[in-house]
């Protein structure tokens, strides 16, 4: 699953970069991650090879590109991060409750794809 990331999401304090800063600040792993690593982690969680792939692909999305429901995206991120933390940890256990809380804290609705979706399909 590849999440549409638009050029606006790559501006400072917007979309993708805002979420990456939360990952950098609140990373649940045993070792902190720098901002560059947080962008790489987020890129893989969103279905991209790396951050460079995100930036290269940003211009290619149409305004009506479909994105998964936020809860489906959270589930995919949870699996991706659990695998990442398991691979970097010397122990075999990952605190799933802590990781779930962390994933729930990610401000995914700031992504342009969800903002466009609300504009194209207003509720009520």
Protein backbone atom coordinates (compact mmCIF):
# COMPACT_ATOMS: atom_id res chain seq x y z
CA UNK A 1 0.00 0.00 0.00
CA UNK A 2 1.45 3.35 -1.06
CA UNK A 3 0.06 6.48 0.57
CA UNK A 4 -0.22 9.53 -1.69
CA UNK A 5 2.23 12.19 -0.57
CA UNK A 6 1.85 15.56 -2.28
CA UNK A 7 4.42 18.39 -2.63
CA UNK A 8 2.57 20.35 0.08
CA UNK A 9 3.23 17.48 2.51
CA UNK A 10 6.97 18.02 2.06
CA UNK A 11 6.93 21.64 3.21
CA UNK A 12 8.32 22.35 6.69
CA UNK A 13 5.80 21.74 9.47
CA UNK A 14 3.32 20.16 7.02
CA UNK A 15 2.07 16.62 6.41
CA UNK A 16 4.90 14.15 5.97
CA UNK A 17 7.53 16.30 7.66
CA UNK A 18 5.28 17.01 10.64
CA UNK A 19 4.69 13.29 11.19
CA UNK A 20 8.42 12.59 10.81
CA UNK A 21 9.15 15.13 13.55
CA UNK A 22 6.74 13.30 15.88
CA UNK A 23 8.54 10.03 15.11
CA UNK A 24 11.90 11.70 15.81
CA UNK A 25 10.67 13.22 19.08
CA UNK A 26 8.69 10.26 20.45
CA UNK A 27 10.40 7.19 18.93
CA UNK A 28 9.52 4.15 21.09
CA UNK A 29 12.71 2.23 20.35
CA UNK A 30 15.53 1.69 22.80
CA UNK A 31 17.72 4.19 20.92
CA UNK A 32 16.53 7.58 19.66
CA UNK A 33 16.36 8.23 15.92
CA UNK A 34 17.50 11.39 14.20
CA UNK A 35 15.17 13.31 11.91
CA UNK A 36 16.68 11.85 8.75
CA UNK A 37 16.12 8.31 10.06
CA UNK A 38 12.56 9.25 11.05
CA UNK A 39 11.86 10.35 7.46
CA UNK A 40 13.25 7.07 6.14
CA UNK A 41 11.16 5.05 8.61
CA UNK A 42 8.02 6.96 7.68
CA UNK A 43 8.72 6.56 3.96
CA UNK A 44 8.86 2.77 4.36
CA UNK A 45 5.71 2.79 6.52
CA UNK A 46 3.93 4.63 3.70
CA UNK A 47 5.04 2.08 1.09
CA UNK A 48 8.02 3.87 -0.44
CA UNK A 49 11.56 2.59 -0.86
CA UNK A 50 13.04 5.59 0.98
CA UNK A 51 12.58 9.32 1.50
CA UNK A 52 14.09 10.09 -1.90
CA UNK A 53 11.37 7.92 -3.46
CA UNK A 54 8.76 9.99 -1.59
CA UNK A 55 10.12 13.27 -2.93
CA UNK A 56 10.40 11.89 -6.45
CA UNK A 57 6.82 10.59 -6.41
CA UNK A 58 5.15 13.63 -4.84
CA UNK A 59 4.37 15.40 -8.13
CA UNK A 60 2.79 12.31 -9.65
CA UNK A 61 -0.39 12.08 -7.57
CA UNK A 62 -3.72 13.42 -8.77
CA UNK A 63 -6.02 15.22 -6.34
CA UNK A 64 -8.43 12.28 -6.37
CA UNK A 65 -5.85 9.58 -5.61
CA UNK A 66 -7.29 7.13 -3.13
CA UNK A 67 -5.79 6.56 0.27
CA UNK A 68 -6.69 3.89 2.81
CA UNK A 69 -8.83 4.69 5.80
CA UNK A 70 -6.75 6.22 8.59
CA UNK A 71 -7.29 3.18 10.81
CA UNK A 72 -6.05 0.85 8.06
CA UNK A 73 -2.97 3.05 7.66
CA UNK A 74 -2.37 2.97 11.43
CA UNK A 75 -2.54 -0.84 11.35
CA UNK A 76 -0.01 -0.99 8.50
CA UNK A 77 2.30 1.43 10.33
CA UNK A 78 2.01 -0.64 13.50
CA UNK A 79 3.10 -3.80 11.66
CA UNK A 80 5.95 -2.00 9.90
CA UNK A 81 7.26 -0.41 13.09
CA UNK A 82 6.93 -3.62 15.09
CA UNK A 83 9.05 -5.39 12.46
CA UNK A 84 11.60 -2.56 12.51
CA UNK A 85 11.84 -2.49 16.30
CA UNK A 86 12.09 -6.27 16.45
CA UNK A 87 14.95 -6.21 13.93
CA UNK A 88 16.88 -3.52 15.83
CA UNK A 89 16.28 -5.00 19.28
CA UNK A 90 18.50 -7.63 20.83
CA UNK A 91 15.46 -9.02 22.63
CA UNK A 92 12.59 -10.65 20.80
CA UNK A 93 9.82 -8.66 22.47
CA UNK A 94 8.41 -5.30 21.53
CA UNK A 95 6.09 -3.48 23.93
CA UNK A 96 3.01 -3.65 21.73
CA UNK A 97 0.95 -1.42 24.02
CA UNK A 98 3.59 1.31 23.94
CA UNK A 99 3.95 0.96 20.18
CA UNK A 100 0.17 1.10 19.64
CA UNK A 101 -0.07 4.27 21.74
CA UNK A 102 2.77 5.76 19.71
CA UNK A 103 1.10 4.94 16.37
CA UNK A 104 -2.21 6.35 17.62
CA UNK A 105 -0.42 9.62 18.44
CA UNK A 106 0.76 10.16 14.86
CA UNK A 107 -1.15 13.07 13.27
CA UNK A 108 -1.96 11.24 10.03
CA UNK A 109 -4.93 13.42 9.13
CA UNK A 110 -2.57 16.33 8.43
CA UNK A 111 -1.58 14.61 5.18
CA UNK A 112 -2.87 16.35 2.07
CA UNK A 113 -4.53 13.14 0.86
CA UNK A 114 -6.88 13.14 3.86
CA UNK A 115 -7.49 16.87 3.63
CA UNK A 116 -8.41 16.49 -0.06
CA UNK A 117 -10.62 13.53 0.75
CA UNK A 118 -12.60 15.57 3.28
CA UNK A 119 -12.95 18.42 0.77
CA UNK A 120 -14.14 16.07 -2.00
CA UNK A 121 -16.47 14.07 0.25
CA UNK A 122 -17.79 16.32 3.04
CA UNK A 123 -19.75 14.49 5.69
CA UNK A 124 -23.33 15.37 6.47
